């Protein structure tokens, strides 16, 4: 009789039944996929980014398909934290997987207030902090490209909550390990990387950008090699658990991230291509472990031989 492998992973003190999570911004508020997959099979659910007040995001067009991926400039459209708690959380709190809420702000105080509000909700297990957003007090420079700014915002979040704090890092930096070290020192419980890469696309007939915002975020298979490199670099220097993100379309993609040093992964753009992809990846990882006689998914984490 074949013994099923242990798919559980520990993410900063929270146990996931498997390492497959949903990437913020690509899975709505969870309920949108309820008729497509069994949400209770997921390792964890991360909802789209929330701000203090509702946001309409950027004007269209704001998504364009590119070679091996897509560019988006949605502008973090969302219902705001209070509507989320009142309207979306009741459904999510009845699900089994841990729930993480992604947050963003334009100034440090936004993050401070969001963390304090979320800390009041027992049904929310943790926070994923998006620091790729422009800091309006610093002339629009993203919090996540400066180690001190990253440290300050995560310290503000940490001061307001005892919940799990995961920091989603921007790849648009010179040295990703410097930012990782800063958020670790500030009190983060884990790191998710990477966020999208700044990019643009042009319509040659109109000679205009294909996205109204001109610049957007590139995601999908095109960024996977960059994401893997950054996961590996951070894993060499940080003691924090890492969530790998970027171009994960198959179980093999997910396994690459785990072997490179990620404890868990998030599936993003692939949800637009195949709404069942998260379940396919869970099944694929389990099949790989079974075929190779590996007892636990944790036995392959960080096993890259160099």
Foldseek 3Di string as FASTA:
>chain_A
DFDFFQQWFAALNDIFSHQEEADAPFCALVPVCVVPDPPLVGREYEYHEAWQAFDQFDDDPAWDADVQFIWGRRRRGDHHDVCCVVPRLVVVLPHDHAYEYEYEDQALVRLLVSLQVVQVDPSHQYYEYEQQFFNVVVVGHTLQADLVSLLSSLLSSVVRHPHAYEYEHELPYDANQSNVVSNVVSPHQEYEDYWFDKDWDADPVVRHTNTPVRIGGTAALVCLVVQLVNLLRNQVPDPHAYEGEGRDQALVSQLSSQLSAHRHYHYGRNCVVPVCRSVRNRVVVSVVCSVVVNRYSNVRGNNDDD
